[in-house]
Amino acid sequence: MPMRGMSGPDRNTIVDDIPAQADRLYWETAALKTEMDSLTAATAALDPSPGALDGLRALPLPDGPTIEAHARAAEYAEGETRRLADALAAADSAIAATETELAGLSHAGAVPTRADLLEARRARDAQFDGLRAALDADHADRERRLGDVVRSSHAVDRITDRLLTDTERAARHENALQRLAANRGERERAAADLADAQAKRAEADAAWMQSWAASGLAPRGPAEMLRWRARLDGILGRLEKSEGKKAEVGALAARLDAGKTAVASFLESVGRAPDPALPPAVLFREAKTRFDELQQAWADAKARAVEKRRIARDLAEAEAARTAAHAALAGQQKIWPAAMAAIGLAGEATPAQAEAALAVWHSVAVPKASHERESRSVDTIEADLRAFDHDVFAIVERVAPSLAGEPAQEALARLSAQLAAMRNAAADGTARVECDGAG
């Protein structure tokens, strides 16, 4: 039975699916809420916090590759700074050790070096040159310059003697001085490289902070923010799936609302006043109950219509049979008096009387033939038979001309059969007349 007030190719699907759709909408809405709560909690757990969940996609953040490049650069700069700091510390340690060694060597007095000897010889040679230039000067100046030359010669001799008597200590002292100079040079290079690395690290840190400036976030270190970004990307991926699920839930809710509208329209069309505040599933149960009632009523009406058509057909067939019986009875009634006269009965004779008379006729024919065959000659018998045939043909000619031309015995038999049929028809006609009179 079609539902009035509902149309369209998906009408039955919309109505039949309402309970399943309502159940699915309930569970999918609950699952979506659980997922959104989980995403909100995961977003709030991020440090630094990126803000509200619905604003994550619009947040101008550095992408994963950019953060990874900063992380690699920071890791390299940190390793390089640590290496240069270690080198600087090693140089400081070496310088301190060398200075300690030099201090130990100096406890026995100053240790002359080849440089000291060369410097003393240079000073002596300079004094010799001054003395030579002052030979023509006054006596006091010559004496003074001569004294300087003598002292320089003595100093050269002392240095030479000490170098010759303390060669091993002098060599150690010289080596320590050379190592101290080398260590100090290494320290200067390490300090310069460290300062350069620290400057580059500062520039990288500034670039790192600048890459986050648009987002308004205060980032942690690149390695930590790389893990932060990975967690954020996971949240964004889940959020994208949740938005797709949200669209599905919205479409399902719209479809359920369409079904609710169709159900309400159906209830209105069948005389009910639906409450728009009720859930679709409740309205559907009410509409289903009413629909089942209408469908049962329609099935009952259809069964009654079929029964009515059957009764009408039976009445028509009975009326046709009644009309045919009346016509047959009328025809038999017309020829009835003549047929009765042929067998010696009055026209008002009943079928039972006619049947009894015919039985007599049948019982007379055989004995008559036996008696004539036994008591008469063949000619007499043939004459009697001709007379019998003549009588039979006379009756047939009066009652049933259609039997003319057939043998007397067969004509008489057929005439008897017709009389029996007439009797049966008369009995049926009488019964129908009585039935019609009773109805």
Foldseek 3Di string as FASTA:
>chain_A
DDQPLFDDPCRVVLLVCLVVLVVVLVVLVVVLVVLVVVLQVLQVPFVVRLDGPVCLVVQQADALVVLVVLQVVLVVLVVLLVVLVVLLVVLVVLLVVLVVVLVVLPVVHDQDEVVNLVVLVVQLVVLVVVLVVCVVPDPVVNVVSVVSNVVSVVVNVVNVVRCVVPVPSRVSNVVSVVSNVVSVVSNVVSVVVSVVSVVVSVVSVVVVQVSCVRNVHDDDRSVVVSVSNVSVVVSVVSVVVSVVSVVVSVVSVVSSVVSLSSLCSSCVVVPHHDDVVDHSVVSSVVSVVVVVVVVVVVVVVVVVVVVVVVVVVVVVVVVVVLVVLVVVLVVCLVLQQLLQVLLPHGSPDALVVVLVSLVVVVVPPVVVLVCCPPPHDPVSSVVVVVVVQVSQLVSCVRRPVVLPPDGSVVSSVVSSVVSVVNNVSVVVNVVVVVVVVVD
